[in-house]
């Protein structure tokens, strides 16, 4: 019974992820811009988190560049994409 439940959850998650990624491929205009900005923010946050957790070597210049990226994309440049 446990295996059927786990298999069902895995199947459902694969279907959801598959349909979501398909919907993102068709995005245009401001929706596409939002998605791209969120992608950039996510990549910056992941890189910072890896350094802060000690998984990647701490690089002051890289932290500074990532912080500037977050400040630029996370400020009014992000909120203007949500009229």
C-alpha atoms as a PDB file:
ATOM      1  CA  UNK A   1       0.000   0.000   0.000  1.00  0.00           C
ATOM      2  CA  UNK A   2       2.852   2.356   0.875  1.00  0.00           C
ATOM      3  CA  UNK A   3       4.509   1.742  -2.487  1.00  0.00           C
ATOM      4  CA  UNK A   4       1.307   2.540  -4.375  1.00  0.00           C
ATOM      5  CA  UNK A   5       0.985   5.838  -2.509  1.00  0.00           C
ATOM      6  CA  UNK A   6       4.608   6.784  -3.211  1.00  0.00           C
ATOM      7  CA  UNK A   7       4.265   5.803  -6.873  1.00  0.00           C
ATOM      8  CA  UNK A   8       1.103   7.897  -7.133  1.00  0.00           C
ATOM      9  CA  UNK A   9       2.810  10.929  -5.606  1.00  0.00           C
ATOM     10  CA  UNK A  10       5.782  10.613  -7.933  1.00  0.00           C
ATOM     11  CA  UNK A  11       3.517  10.275 -10.962  1.00  0.00           C
ATOM     12  CA  UNK A  12       1.463  13.299  -9.930  1.00  0.00           C
ATOM     13  CA  UNK A  13       4.565  15.439  -9.365  1.00  0.00           C
ATOM     14  CA  UNK A  14       6.015  14.475 -12.756  1.00  0.00           C
ATOM     15  CA  UNK A  15       2.763  15.401 -14.484  1.00  0.00           C
ATOM     16  CA  UNK A  16       2.550  18.722 -12.666  1.00  0.00           C
ATOM     17  CA  UNK A  17       6.150  19.668 -13.401  1.00  0.00           C
ATOM     18  CA  UNK A  18       5.787  18.605 -17.023  1.00  0.00           C
ATOM     19  CA  UNK A  19       2.675  20.691 -17.583  1.00  0.00           C
ATOM     20  CA  UNK A  20       4.153  23.695 -15.775  1.00  0.00           C
ATOM     21  CA  UNK A  21       7.342  23.720 -17.833  1.00  0.00           C
ATOM     22  CA  UNK A  22       5.269  23.449 -21.024  1.00  0.00           C
ATOM     23  CA  UNK A  23       3.202  26.465 -19.984  1.00  0.00           C
ATOM     24  CA  UNK A  24       6.369  28.498 -19.315  1.00  0.00           C
ATOM     25  CA  UNK A  25       7.693  27.840 -22.798  1.00  0.00           C
ATOM     26  CA  UNK A  26       4.708  29.664 -24.285  1.00  0.00           C
ATOM     27  CA  UNK A  27       4.967  32.747 -22.058  1.00  0.00           C
ATOM     28  CA  UNK A  28       5.453  36.083 -23.783  1.00  0.00           C
ATOM     29  CA  UNK A  29       5.629  39.760 -22.939  1.00  0.00           C
ATOM     30  CA  UNK A  30       5.651  40.867 -19.331  1.00  0.00           C
ATOM     31  CA  UNK A  31       5.066  37.331 -18.059  1.00  0.00           C
ATOM     32  CA  UNK A  32       8.224  36.160 -19.819  1.00  0.00           C
ATOM     33  CA  UNK A  33      10.142  39.136 -18.376  1.00  0.00           C
ATOM     34  CA  UNK A  34       8.960  38.253 -14.858  1.00  0.00           C
ATOM     35  CA  UNK A  35      10.048  34.668 -15.312  1.00  0.00           C
ATOM     36  CA  UNK A  36      13.497  35.694 -16.509  1.00  0.00           C
ATOM     37  CA  UNK A  37      13.975  38.106 -13.604  1.00  0.00           C
ATOM     38  CA  UNK A  38      12.864  35.475 -11.100  1.00  0.00           C
ATOM     39  CA  UNK A  39      15.294  33.002 -12.665  1.00  0.00           C
ATOM     40  CA  UNK A  40      18.166  35.480 -12.245  1.00  0.00           C
ATOM     41  CA  UNK A  41      17.179  36.161  -8.635  1.00  0.00           C
ATOM     42  CA  UNK A  42      16.963  32.453  -7.901  1.00  0.00           C
ATOM     43  CA  UNK A  43      20.404  31.747  -9.352  1.00  0.00           C
ATOM     44  CA  UNK A  44      21.945  34.567  -7.335  1.00  0.00           C
ATOM     45  CA  UNK A  45      20.300  33.383  -4.123  1.00  0.00           C
ATOM     46  CA  UNK A  46      21.441  29.786  -4.692  1.00  0.00           C
ATOM     47  CA  UNK A  47      25.019  30.889  -5.307  1.00  0.00           C
ATOM     48  CA  UNK A  48      25.024  33.052  -2.164  1.00  0.00           C
ATOM     49  CA  UNK A  49      23.458  30.293  -0.085  1.00  0.00           C
ATOM     50  CA  UNK A  50      26.117  27.804  -1.198  1.00  0.00           C
ATOM     51  CA  UNK A  51      28.865  30.190  -0.115  1.00  0.00           C
ATOM     52  CA  UNK A  52      27.212  31.039   3.197  1.00  0.00           C
ATOM     53  CA  UNK A  53      26.792  27.344   3.998  1.00  0.00           C
ATOM     54  CA  UNK A  54      30.434  26.633   3.180  1.00  0.00           C
ATOM     55  CA  UNK A  55      29.679  24.441   0.172  1.00  0.00           C
ATOM     56  CA  UNK A  56      31.503  26.810  -2.172  1.00  0.00           C
ATOM     57  CA  UNK A  57      34.581  28.871  -1.307  1.00  0.00           C
ATOM     58  CA  UNK A  58      33.781  32.383  -0.115  1.00  0.00           C
ATOM     59  CA  UNK A  59      34.645  34.933  -2.797  1.00  0.00           C
ATOM     60  CA  UNK A  60      34.217  38.575  -1.782  1.00  0.00           C
ATOM     61  CA  UNK A  61      34.027  39.836  -5.360  1.00  0.00           C
ATOM     62  CA  UNK A  62      31.428  37.238  -6.305  1.00  0.00           C
ATOM     63  CA  UNK A  63      29.328  38.043  -3.227  1.00  0.00           C
ATOM     64  CA  UNK A  64      29.473  41.714  -4.141  1.00  0.00           C
ATOM     65  CA  UNK A  65      28.415  41.024  -7.737  1.00  0.00           C
ATOM     66  CA  UNK A  66      25.577  38.739  -6.628  1.00  0.00           C
ATOM     67  CA  UNK A  67      24.394  41.334  -4.094  1.00  0.00           C
ATOM     68  CA  UNK A  68      24.358  44.010  -6.810  1.00  0.00           C
ATOM     69  CA  UNK A  69      22.363  41.655  -9.031  1.00  0.00           C
ATOM     70  CA  UNK A  70      19.830  41.078  -6.244  1.00  0.00           C
ATOM     71  CA  UNK A  71      19.592  44.791  -5.512  1.00  0.00           C
ATOM     72  CA  UNK A  72      19.051  45.656  -9.170  1.00  0.00           C
ATOM     73  CA  UNK A  73      16.569  42.939 -10.067  1.00  0.00           C
ATOM     74  CA  UNK A  74      14.798  42.842  -6.699  1.00  0.00           C
ATOM     75  CA  UNK A  75      14.065  46.549  -6.421  1.00  0.00           C
ATOM     76  CA  UNK A  76      11.640  48.702  -8.366  1.00  0.00           C
ATOM     77  CA  UNK A  77      12.792  46.886 -11.496  1.00  0.00           C
ATOM     78  CA  UNK A  78      10.889  43.864 -10.205  1.00  0.00           C
ATOM     79  CA  UNK A  79       7.803  45.663  -8.949  1.00  0.00           C
ATOM     80  CA  UNK A  80       7.320  47.499 -12.257  1.00  0.00           C
ATOM     81  CA  UNK A  81       6.717  44.087 -13.847  1.00  0.00           C
ATOM     82  CA  UNK A  82       3.569  43.756 -11.721  1.00  0.00           C
ATOM     83  CA  UNK A  83       1.326  46.637 -12.852  1.00  0.00           C
END
